[in-house]
Amino acid sequence: MRKKTILLVEDDEVVQDVVPLHLENKYRVVTASSCSAVKDLLLEDIDLAIVDYSLPDGNGFEVVNIVRTAKPYLPAILMTAYSN
């Protein structure tokens, strides 16, 4: 049985390292650090997208729109470090 795959879209290298460490026992994690890098990864079997709000070439809402166009039923979690 294949591991479910999580797409992590995050530009912070620490988060890119830490999140997969906590998930790799049960999930396969693929990462992208920008909006533009997401399109190629959506060709893979993705089961969940975890998306940072603030990215160097756009924002998380743009990524979710890209994801929804390619995979309309893919669940997505939008996260941010902003306090407000």
C-alpha atoms as a PDB file:
ATOM      1  CA  MET A   1       0.000   0.000   0.000  1.00  0.00           C
ATOM      2  CA  ARG A   2       1.401   3.395  -0.939  1.00  0.00           C
ATOM      3  CA  LYS A   3       1.899   6.133   1.599  1.00  0.00           C
ATOM      4  CA  LYS A   4      -0.405   9.102   1.173  1.00  0.00           C
ATOM      5  CA  THR A   5       1.407  12.122  -0.235  1.00  0.00           C
ATOM      6  CA  ILE A   6       1.362  15.612   1.238  1.00  0.00           C
ATOM      7  CA  LEU A   7       2.363  18.637  -0.816  1.00  0.00           C
ATOM      8  CA  LEU A   8       4.050  21.204   1.440  1.00  0.00           C
ATOM      9  CA  VAL A   9       4.340  24.658  -0.138  1.00  0.00           C
ATOM     10  CA  GLU A  10       6.630  26.659   2.137  1.00  0.00           C
ATOM     11  CA  ASP A  11       9.581  28.971   1.499  1.00  0.00           C
ATOM     12  CA  ASP A  12      11.055  28.821   5.012  1.00  0.00           C
ATOM     13  CA  GLU A  13      13.847  26.219   5.011  1.00  0.00           C
ATOM     14  CA  VAL A  14      13.401  25.382   8.694  1.00  0.00           C
ATOM     15  CA  VAL A  15       9.734  24.552   8.198  1.00  0.00           C
ATOM     16  CA  GLN A  16      10.626  22.596   5.033  1.00  0.00           C
ATOM     17  CA  ASP A  17      12.954  20.471   7.175  1.00  0.00           C
ATOM     18  CA  VAL A  18      10.858  20.122  10.340  1.00  0.00           C
ATOM     19  CA  VAL A  19       7.419  19.281   8.934  1.00  0.00           C
ATOM     20  CA  PRO A  20       8.586  16.277   6.875  1.00  0.00           C
ATOM     21  CA  LEU A  21      10.548  14.959   9.870  1.00  0.00           C
ATOM     22  CA  HIS A  22       7.314  14.696  11.828  1.00  0.00           C
ATOM     23  CA  LEU A  23       5.289  13.232   8.983  1.00  0.00           C
ATOM     24  CA  GLU A  24       7.673  10.922   7.132  1.00  0.00           C
ATOM     25  CA  ASN A  25       6.784   7.802   9.134  1.00  0.00           C
ATOM     26  CA  LYS A  26       3.231   7.796   7.799  1.00  0.00           C
ATOM     27  CA  TYR A  27       3.308  10.097   4.768  1.00  0.00           C
ATOM     28  CA  ARG A  28       5.415  10.958   1.760  1.00  0.00           C
ATOM     29  CA  VAL A  29       6.083  14.702   1.716  1.00  0.00           C
ATOM     30  CA  VAL A  30       6.961  16.638  -1.430  1.00  0.00           C
ATOM     31  CA  THR A  31       7.916  20.283  -1.090  1.00  0.00           C
ATOM     32  CA  ALA A  32       7.770  23.435  -3.167  1.00  0.00           C
ATOM     33  CA  SER A  33       9.101  26.825  -2.116  1.00  0.00           C
ATOM     34  CA  SER A  34       7.147  29.013  -4.539  1.00  0.00           C
ATOM     35  CA  CYS A  35       3.862  29.300  -6.442  1.00  0.00           C
ATOM     36  CA  SER A  36       5.572  28.578  -9.735  1.00  0.00           C
ATOM     37  CA  ALA A  37       7.028  25.267  -8.480  1.00  0.00           C
ATOM     38  CA  VAL A  38       3.611  23.858  -7.575  1.00  0.00           C
ATOM     39  CA  LYS A  39       2.309  23.144 -11.089  1.00  0.00           C
ATOM     40  CA  ASP A  40       4.870  20.424 -11.850  1.00  0.00           C
ATOM     41  CA  LEU A  41       4.283  18.683  -8.516  1.00  0.00           C
ATOM     42  CA  LEU A  42       0.554  18.444  -9.158  1.00  0.00           C
ATOM     43  CA  LEU A  43       1.278  15.831 -11.810  1.00  0.00           C
ATOM     44  CA  GLU A  44       1.996  13.452  -8.916  1.00  0.00           C
ATOM     45  CA  ASP A  45      -0.620  11.715  -6.762  1.00  0.00           C
ATOM     46  CA  ILE A  46      -1.192  14.271  -3.999  1.00  0.00           C
ATOM     47  CA  ASP A  47      -3.620  13.609  -1.142  1.00  0.00           C
ATOM     48  CA  LEU A  48      -3.326  16.874   0.818  1.00  0.00           C
ATOM     49  CA  ALA A  49      -1.796  20.308   0.245  1.00  0.00           C
ATOM     50  CA  ILE A  50      -0.395  22.354   3.129  1.00  0.00           C
ATOM     51  CA  VAL A  51       0.276  25.870   1.882  1.00  0.00           C
ATOM     52  CA  ASP A  52       1.997  28.854   3.489  1.00  0.00           C
ATOM     53  CA  TYR A  53       0.182  32.157   2.996  1.00  0.00           C
ATOM     54  CA  SER A  54       3.282  34.229   2.238  1.00  0.00           C
ATOM     55  CA  LEU A  55       5.476  33.058  -0.640  1.00  0.00           C
ATOM     56  CA  PRO A  56       8.200  34.864  -2.604  1.00  0.00           C
ATOM     57  CA  ASP A  57       6.269  34.949  -5.893  1.00  0.00           C
ATOM     58  CA  GLY A  58       2.677  35.148  -4.689  1.00  0.00           C
ATOM     59  CA  ASN A  59       0.447  34.059  -1.846  1.00  0.00           C
ATOM     60  CA  GLY A  60      -1.204  30.928  -0.599  1.00  0.00           C
ATOM     61  CA  PHE A  61      -4.566  31.796  -2.143  1.00  0.00           C
ATOM     62  CA  GLU A  62      -2.938  31.785  -5.576  1.00  0.00           C
ATOM     63  CA  VAL A  63      -1.483  28.338  -4.835  1.00  0.00           C
ATOM     64  CA  VAL A  64      -4.863  27.029  -3.691  1.00  0.00           C
ATOM     65  CA  ASN A  65      -6.389  28.319  -6.954  1.00  0.00           C
ATOM     66  CA  ILE A  66      -3.691  26.470  -8.932  1.00  0.00           C
ATOM     67  CA  VAL A  67      -4.356  23.326  -6.897  1.00  0.00           C
ATOM     68  CA  ARG A  68      -8.133  23.621  -7.325  1.00  0.00           C
ATOM     69  CA  THR A  69      -7.776  23.987 -11.095  1.00  0.00           C
ATOM     70  CA  ALA A  70      -5.701  20.809 -11.386  1.00  0.00           C
ATOM     71  CA  LYS A  71      -7.332  18.791  -8.602  1.00  0.00           C
ATOM     72  CA  PRO A  72     -10.706  20.265  -7.608  1.00  0.00           C
ATOM     73  CA  TYR A  73     -11.315  17.916  -4.671  1.00  0.00           C
ATOM     74  CA  LEU A  74      -7.850  17.972  -3.134  1.00  0.00           C
ATOM     75  CA  PRO A  75      -8.034  19.111   0.499  1.00  0.00           C
ATOM     76  CA  ALA A  76      -5.857  22.127   1.287  1.00  0.00           C
ATOM     77  CA  ILE A  77      -4.731  23.692   4.545  1.00  0.00           C
ATOM     78  CA  LEU A  78      -3.589  27.317   4.415  1.00  0.00           C
ATOM     79  CA  MET A  79      -1.161  28.315   7.174  1.00  0.00           C
ATOM     80  CA  THR A  80       0.550  31.533   8.224  1.00  0.00           C
ATOM     81  CA  ALA A  81       2.915  32.842  10.849  1.00  0.00           C
ATOM     82  CA  TYR A  82       1.138  36.194  10.887  1.00  0.00           C
ATOM     83  CA  SER A  83      -0.525  36.930  14.217  1.00  0.00           C
ATOM     84  CA  ASN A  84      -3.423  39.019  12.865  1.00  0.00           C
END
